[in-house]
Amino acid sequence: MAGRDLDSPPIPARLGCGPKPAPDRMSVAPCWGQRFFEMISTAIRSRPNRWGCEVADSGDQPPADDGTEPDPRFTFANERTFLAWSRTALALVVAGLGVVQLLPPFPGVPWGRHVLGVPLIVFGAVVAVSAYREWTRSQWAMRHGQPLPRSIMPTIMTVIIAAMALVSAVVVLASALR
């Protein structure tokens, strides 16, 4: 505390990204990015959308049904889970495309590649949509202090893998018998 008058107010924590504040100021000037996004959000709120309706300004208050902001660690964990399921969905789509386009035809079963590949692509879309639904449900539960909902993703993946294993077995057997 050397060099600081004990009667002066405490120096506030640094809040922005501008220059260091003077001791008599409570915060620093906003950085360029903050000003840019404030300008954009003001322009969006004051401009009518494509249907001619204006967006109501709520005075920077979140909607009443939005709940409270959860611990960022939980929000980030929920987002990482969503991204993991999204990677799984992308892998299913790419696997389906690879089967249809790159796998050599099964002898005697010309439709075999499509029977294996197209369901993988469709299941990839199902997993992607379900992952988003899971993310929103979990986020809502965290914001409202509710227990997390039971995930349907393990069930979906179990059904997809079992179904694809059965279809693959049928295609391989039909190819071997011809």
C-alpha atoms as a PDB file:
ATOM      1  CA  MET A   1       0.000   0.000   0.000  1.00  0.00           C
ATOM      2  CA  ALA A   2       3.007   2.284  -0.213  1.00  0.00           C
ATOM      3  CA  GLY A   3       2.345   5.523  -2.068  1.00  0.00           C
ATOM      4  CA  ARG A   4      -1.437   5.304  -1.735  1.00  0.00           C
ATOM      5  CA  ASP A   5      -3.439   7.662   0.465  1.00  0.00           C
ATOM      6  CA  LEU A   6      -5.563   5.658   2.925  1.00  0.00           C
ATOM      7  CA  ASP A   7      -8.436   8.149   2.616  1.00  0.00           C
ATOM      8  CA  SER A   8      -8.762   7.754  -1.173  1.00  0.00           C
ATOM      9  CA  PRO A   9     -11.323   5.330  -2.587  1.00  0.00           C
ATOM     10  CA  PRO A  10     -10.061   1.874  -3.588  1.00  0.00           C
ATOM     11  CA  ILE A  11      -8.875   1.402  -7.140  1.00  0.00           C
ATOM     12  CA  PRO A  12     -11.447  -0.693  -9.001  1.00  0.00           C
ATOM     13  CA  ALA A  13     -10.629  -3.855 -10.887  1.00  0.00           C
ATOM     14  CA  ARG A  14      -9.867  -3.511 -14.553  1.00  0.00           C
ATOM     15  CA  LEU A  15     -13.120  -4.188 -16.478  1.00  0.00           C
ATOM     16  CA  GLY A  16     -12.524  -3.264 -20.102  1.00  0.00           C
ATOM     17  CA  CYS A  17      -9.726  -3.529 -22.598  1.00  0.00           C
ATOM     18  CA  GLY A  18      -8.885   0.156 -22.950  1.00  0.00           C
ATOM     19  CA  PRO A  19      -6.041   1.967 -21.191  1.00  0.00           C
ATOM     20  CA  LYS A  20      -5.625   1.600 -17.435  1.00  0.00           C
ATOM     21  CA  PRO A  21      -8.206   3.817 -15.672  1.00  0.00           C
ATOM     22  CA  ALA A  22      -7.447   6.863 -13.611  1.00  0.00           C
ATOM     23  CA  PRO A  23      -7.878   6.274  -9.843  1.00  0.00           C
ATOM     24  CA  ASP A  24     -11.084   8.347  -9.789  1.00  0.00           C
ATOM     25  CA  ARG A  25     -12.811   6.268 -12.518  1.00  0.00           C
ATOM     26  CA  MET A  26     -14.719   3.057 -11.844  1.00  0.00           C
ATOM     27  CA  SER A  27     -14.038   1.351 -15.167  1.00  0.00           C
ATOM     28  CA  VAL A  28     -12.130   1.710 -18.386  1.00  0.00           C
ATOM     29  CA  ALA A  29     -13.368   2.673 -21.797  1.00  0.00           C
ATOM     30  CA  PRO A  30     -14.778  -0.247 -23.772  1.00  0.00           C
ATOM     31  CA  CYS A  31     -12.546  -1.787 -26.375  1.00  0.00           C
ATOM     32  CA  TRP A  32     -13.258  -1.575 -30.093  1.00  0.00           C
ATOM     33  CA  GLY A  33     -15.012  -4.972 -30.142  1.00  0.00           C
ATOM     34  CA  GLN A  34     -17.367  -3.974 -27.330  1.00  0.00           C
ATOM     35  CA  ARG A  35     -18.287  -0.731 -29.068  1.00  0.00           C
ATOM     36  CA  PHE A  36     -18.734  -2.564 -32.376  1.00  0.00           C
ATOM     37  CA  PHE A  37     -21.147  -5.124 -30.929  1.00  0.00           C
ATOM     38  CA  GLU A  38     -23.072  -2.444 -29.039  1.00  0.00           C
ATOM     39  CA  MET A  39     -23.421  -0.513 -32.305  1.00  0.00           C
ATOM     40  CA  ILE A  40     -24.545  -3.625 -34.223  1.00  0.00           C
ATOM     41  CA  SER A  41     -27.062  -4.674 -31.563  1.00  0.00           C
ATOM     42  CA  THR A  42     -28.511  -1.147 -31.479  1.00  0.00           C
ATOM     43  CA  ALA A  43     -28.822  -1.134 -35.272  1.00  0.00           C
ATOM     44  CA  ILE A  44     -30.496  -4.536 -35.297  1.00  0.00           C
ATOM     45  CA  ARG A  45     -32.992  -3.546 -32.597  1.00  0.00           C
ATOM     46  CA  SER A  46     -33.975  -0.328 -34.378  1.00  0.00           C
ATOM     47  CA  ARG A  47     -34.296  -1.822 -37.867  1.00  0.00           C
ATOM     48  CA  PRO A  48     -37.445  -3.685 -38.954  1.00  0.00           C
ATOM     49  CA  ASN A  49     -36.948  -7.303 -39.937  1.00  0.00           C
ATOM     50  CA  ARG A  50     -37.935  -8.713 -43.327  1.00  0.00           C
ATOM     51  CA  TRP A  51     -41.605  -8.947 -42.280  1.00  0.00           C
ATOM     52  CA  GLY A  52     -41.732  -5.259 -41.361  1.00  0.00           C
ATOM     53  CA  CYS A  53     -41.773  -5.866 -37.585  1.00  0.00           C
ATOM     54  CA  GLU A  54     -39.373  -4.170 -35.237  1.00  0.00           C
ATOM     55  CA  VAL A  55     -37.590  -6.081 -32.510  1.00  0.00           C
ATOM     56  CA  ALA A  56     -38.616  -4.847 -29.068  1.00  0.00           C
ATOM     57  CA  ASP A  57     -35.805  -3.544 -26.923  1.00  0.00           C
ATOM     58  CA  SER A  58     -35.963  -5.190 -23.522  1.00  0.00           C
ATOM     59  CA  GLY A  59     -33.554  -2.736 -21.937  1.00  0.00           C
ATOM     60  CA  ASP A  60     -30.781  -5.339 -21.736  1.00  0.00           C
ATOM     61  CA  GLN A  61     -32.924  -7.495 -19.448  1.00  0.00           C
ATOM     62  CA  PRO A  62     -33.000 -11.207 -20.290  1.00  0.00           C
ATOM     63  CA  PRO A  63     -36.425 -12.748 -20.905  1.00  0.00           C
ATOM     64  CA  ALA A  64     -38.285 -13.695 -17.726  1.00  0.00           C
ATOM     65  CA  ASP A  65     -38.279 -17.413 -18.628  1.00  0.00           C
ATOM     66  CA  ASP A  66     -34.530 -17.551 -19.354  1.00  0.00           C
ATOM     67  CA  GLY A  67     -33.611 -18.545 -15.792  1.00  0.00           C
ATOM     68  CA  THR A  68     -30.293 -17.710 -14.179  1.00  0.00           C
ATOM     69  CA  GLU A  69     -26.889 -18.013 -15.743  1.00  0.00           C
ATOM     70  CA  PRO A  70     -25.304 -21.333 -14.690  1.00  0.00           C
ATOM     71  CA  ASP A  71     -21.672 -21.792 -13.773  1.00  0.00           C
ATOM     72  CA  PRO A  72     -19.709 -21.367 -17.021  1.00  0.00           C
ATOM     73  CA  ARG A  73     -17.934 -24.683 -16.422  1.00  0.00           C
ATOM     74  CA  PHE A  74     -21.258 -26.522 -16.687  1.00  0.00           C
ATOM     75  CA  THR A  75     -22.264 -24.554 -19.763  1.00  0.00           C
ATOM     76  CA  PHE A  76     -18.943 -25.353 -21.421  1.00  0.00           C
ATOM     77  CA  ALA A  77     -19.229 -29.040 -20.461  1.00  0.00           C
ATOM     78  CA  ASN A  78     -22.709 -29.122 -21.993  1.00  0.00           C
ATOM     79  CA  GLU A  79     -21.339 -27.502 -25.144  1.00  0.00           C
ATOM     80  CA  ARG A  80     -18.443 -29.986 -25.326  1.00  0.00           C
ATOM     81  CA  THR A  81     -20.945 -32.841 -25.092  1.00  0.00           C
ATOM     82  CA  PHE A  82     -22.983 -31.300 -27.903  1.00  0.00           C
ATOM     83  CA  LEU A  83     -19.851 -30.950 -30.028  1.00  0.00           C
ATOM     84  CA  ALA A  84     -18.898 -34.588 -29.365  1.00  0.00           C
ATOM     85  CA  TRP A  85     -22.320 -35.770 -30.550  1.00  0.00           C
ATOM     86  CA  SER A  86     -22.009 -33.439 -33.560  1.00  0.00           C
ATOM     87  CA  ARG A  87     -18.687 -35.079 -34.455  1.00  0.00           C
ATOM     88  CA  THR A  88     -20.378 -38.467 -34.173  1.00  0.00           C
ATOM     89  CA  ALA A  89     -23.154 -37.283 -36.493  1.00  0.00           C
ATOM     90  CA  LEU A  90     -20.609 -35.977 -38.979  1.00  0.00           C
ATOM     91  CA  ALA A  91     -18.718 -39.289 -38.823  1.00  0.00           C
ATOM     92  CA  LEU A  92     -21.943 -41.182 -39.592  1.00  0.00           C
ATOM     93  CA  VAL A  93     -22.649 -38.976 -42.608  1.00  0.00           C
ATOM     94  CA  VAL A  94     -19.087 -39.302 -43.911  1.00  0.00           C
ATOM     95  CA  ALA A  95     -19.138 -43.065 -43.349  1.00  0.00           C
ATOM     96  CA  GLY A  96     -22.379 -43.315 -45.302  1.00  0.00           C
ATOM     97  CA  LEU A  97     -20.952 -41.279 -48.165  1.00  0.00           C
ATOM     98  CA  GLY A  98     -17.793 -43.389 -48.113  1.00  0.00           C
ATOM     99  CA  VAL A  99     -19.777 -46.631 -48.276  1.00  0.00           C
ATOM    100  CA  VAL A 100     -21.913 -45.426 -51.173  1.00  0.00           C
ATOM    101  CA  GLN A 101     -19.110 -43.806 -53.177  1.00  0.00           C
ATOM    102  CA  LEU A 102     -15.922 -45.725 -52.344  1.00  0.00           C
ATOM    103  CA  LEU A 103     -16.844 -49.269 -51.357  1.00  0.00           C
ATOM    104  CA  PRO A 104     -16.634 -51.730 -54.253  1.00  0.00           C
ATOM    105  CA  PRO A 105     -19.964 -53.284 -55.230  1.00  0.00           C
ATOM    106  CA  PHE A 106     -20.968 -56.474 -53.460  1.00  0.00           C
ATOM    107  CA  PRO A 107     -20.996 -59.417 -55.897  1.00  0.00           C
ATOM    108  CA  GLY A 108     -24.590 -60.295 -56.729  1.00  0.00           C
ATOM    109  CA  VAL A 109     -25.999 -57.497 -54.524  1.00  0.00           C
ATOM    110  CA  PRO A 110     -25.894 -54.281 -56.576  1.00  0.00           C
ATOM    111  CA  TRP A 111     -28.062 -52.437 -54.031  1.00  0.00           C
ATOM    112  CA  GLY A 112     -25.822 -53.395 -51.079  1.00  0.00           C
ATOM    113  CA  ARG A 113     -23.793 -50.194 -50.917  1.00  0.00           C
ATOM    114  CA  HIS A 114     -26.908 -48.020 -50.875  1.00  0.00           C
ATOM    115  CA  VAL A 115     -28.640 -50.187 -48.260  1.00  0.00           C
ATOM    116  CA  LEU A 116     -25.616 -49.686 -45.994  1.00  0.00           C
ATOM    117  CA  GLY A 117     -24.706 -46.079 -46.823  1.00  0.00           C
ATOM    118  CA  VAL A 118     -28.018 -44.240 -47.022  1.00  0.00           C
ATOM    119  CA  PRO A 119     -29.185 -45.241 -43.501  1.00  0.00           C
ATOM    120  CA  LEU A 120     -25.851 -44.065 -42.101  1.00  0.00           C
ATOM    121  CA  ILE A 121     -26.396 -40.655 -43.680  1.00  0.00           C
ATOM    122  CA  VAL A 122     -29.969 -40.479 -42.362  1.00  0.00           C
ATOM    123  CA  PHE A 123     -28.882 -41.606 -38.897  1.00  0.00           C
ATOM    124  CA  GLY A 124     -26.189 -38.914 -38.945  1.00  0.00           C
ATOM    125  CA  ALA A 125     -28.909 -36.311 -39.476  1.00  0.00           C
ATOM    126  CA  VAL A 126     -30.976 -37.848 -36.643  1.00  0.00           C
ATOM    127  CA  VAL A 127     -27.992 -37.722 -34.269  1.00  0.00           C
ATOM    128  CA  ALA A 128     -27.263 -34.088 -35.209  1.00  0.00           C
ATOM    129  CA  VAL A 129     -30.843 -32.982 -34.521  1.00  0.00           C
ATOM    130  CA  SER A 130     -31.020 -35.036 -31.322  1.00  0.00           C
ATOM    131  CA  ALA A 131     -27.712 -33.578 -30.115  1.00  0.00           C
ATOM    132  CA  TYR A 132     -29.070 -30.051 -30.472  1.00  0.00           C
ATOM    133  CA  ARG A 133     -32.269 -31.035 -28.669  1.00  0.00           C
ATOM    134  CA  GLU A 134     -30.240 -32.586 -25.832  1.00  0.00           C
ATOM    135  CA  TRP A 135     -28.085 -29.465 -25.555  1.00  0.00           C
ATOM    136  CA  THR A 136     -31.089 -27.137 -25.315  1.00  0.00           C
ATOM    137  CA  ARG A 137     -32.881 -29.356 -22.785  1.00  0.00           C
ATOM    138  CA  SER A 138     -29.790 -29.592 -20.579  1.00  0.00           C
ATOM    139  CA  GLN A 139     -29.121 -25.870 -20.852  1.00  0.00           C
ATOM    140  CA  TRP A 140     -32.725 -25.085 -19.863  1.00  0.00           C
ATOM    141  CA  ALA A 141     -32.514 -27.452 -16.879  1.00  0.00           C
ATOM    142  CA  MET A 142     -29.257 -25.879 -15.671  1.00  0.00           C
ATOM    143  CA  ARG A 143     -30.656 -22.357 -15.998  1.00  0.00           C
ATOM    144  CA  HIS A 144     -33.773 -23.265 -14.012  1.00  0.00           C
ATOM    145  CA  GLY A 145     -32.060 -25.329 -11.310  1.00  0.00           C
ATOM    146  CA  GLN A 146     -33.748 -28.539 -12.439  1.00  0.00           C
ATOM    147  CA  PRO A 147     -32.165 -31.988 -12.597  1.00  0.00           C
ATOM    148  CA  LEU A 148     -30.657 -32.744 -15.973  1.00  0.00           C
ATOM    149  CA  PRO A 149     -33.000 -34.680 -18.253  1.00  0.00           C
ATOM    150  CA  ARG A 150     -32.180 -38.250 -19.124  1.00  0.00           C
ATOM    151  CA  SER A 151     -30.264 -38.388 -22.396  1.00  0.00           C
ATOM    152  CA  ILE A 152     -31.770 -40.257 -25.323  1.00  0.00           C
ATOM    153  CA  MET A 153     -28.484 -40.282 -27.229  1.00  0.00           C
ATOM    154  CA  PRO A 154     -27.154 -43.614 -25.870  1.00  0.00           C
ATOM    155  CA  THR A 155     -30.438 -45.278 -26.842  1.00  0.00           C
ATOM    156  CA  ILE A 156     -30.354 -43.740 -30.315  1.00  0.00           C
ATOM    157  CA  MET A 157     -26.754 -44.812 -30.873  1.00  0.00           C
ATOM    158  CA  THR A 158     -27.444 -48.343 -29.605  1.00  0.00           C
ATOM    159  CA  VAL A 159     -30.380 -48.725 -31.985  1.00  0.00           C
ATOM    160  CA  ILE A 160     -28.386 -47.279 -34.903  1.00  0.00           C
ATOM    161  CA  ILE A 161     -25.389 -49.541 -34.338  1.00  0.00           C
ATOM    162  CA  ALA A 162     -27.523 -52.655 -33.835  1.00  0.00           C
ATOM    163  CA  ALA A 163     -29.629 -51.910 -36.927  1.00  0.00           C
ATOM    164  CA  MET A 164     -26.573 -51.252 -39.088  1.00  0.00           C
ATOM    165  CA  ALA A 165     -24.925 -54.453 -37.846  1.00  0.00           C
ATOM    166  CA  LEU A 166     -28.021 -56.452 -38.833  1.00  0.00           C
ATOM    167  CA  VAL A 167     -28.282 -54.769 -42.246  1.00  0.00           C
ATOM    168  CA  SER A 168     -24.568 -55.348 -42.839  1.00  0.00           C
ATOM    169  CA  ALA A 169     -24.925 -59.018 -41.944  1.00  0.00           C
ATOM    170  CA  VAL A 170     -27.845 -59.420 -44.345  1.00  0.00           C
ATOM    171  CA  VAL A 171     -25.960 -57.723 -47.205  1.00  0.00           C
ATOM    172  CA  VAL A 172     -22.818 -59.808 -46.631  1.00  0.00           C
ATOM    173  CA  LEU A 173     -24.821 -63.040 -46.416  1.00  0.00           C
ATOM    174  CA  ALA A 174     -26.823 -62.191 -49.549  1.00  0.00           C
ATOM    175  CA  SER A 175     -23.559 -61.463 -51.356  1.00  0.00           C
ATOM    176  CA  ALA A 176     -21.996 -64.735 -50.214  1.00  0.00           C
ATOM    177  CA  LEU A 177     -25.003 -66.832 -51.224  1.00  0.00           C
ATOM    178  CA  ARG A 178     -25.059 -65.555 -54.820  1.00  0.00           C
END
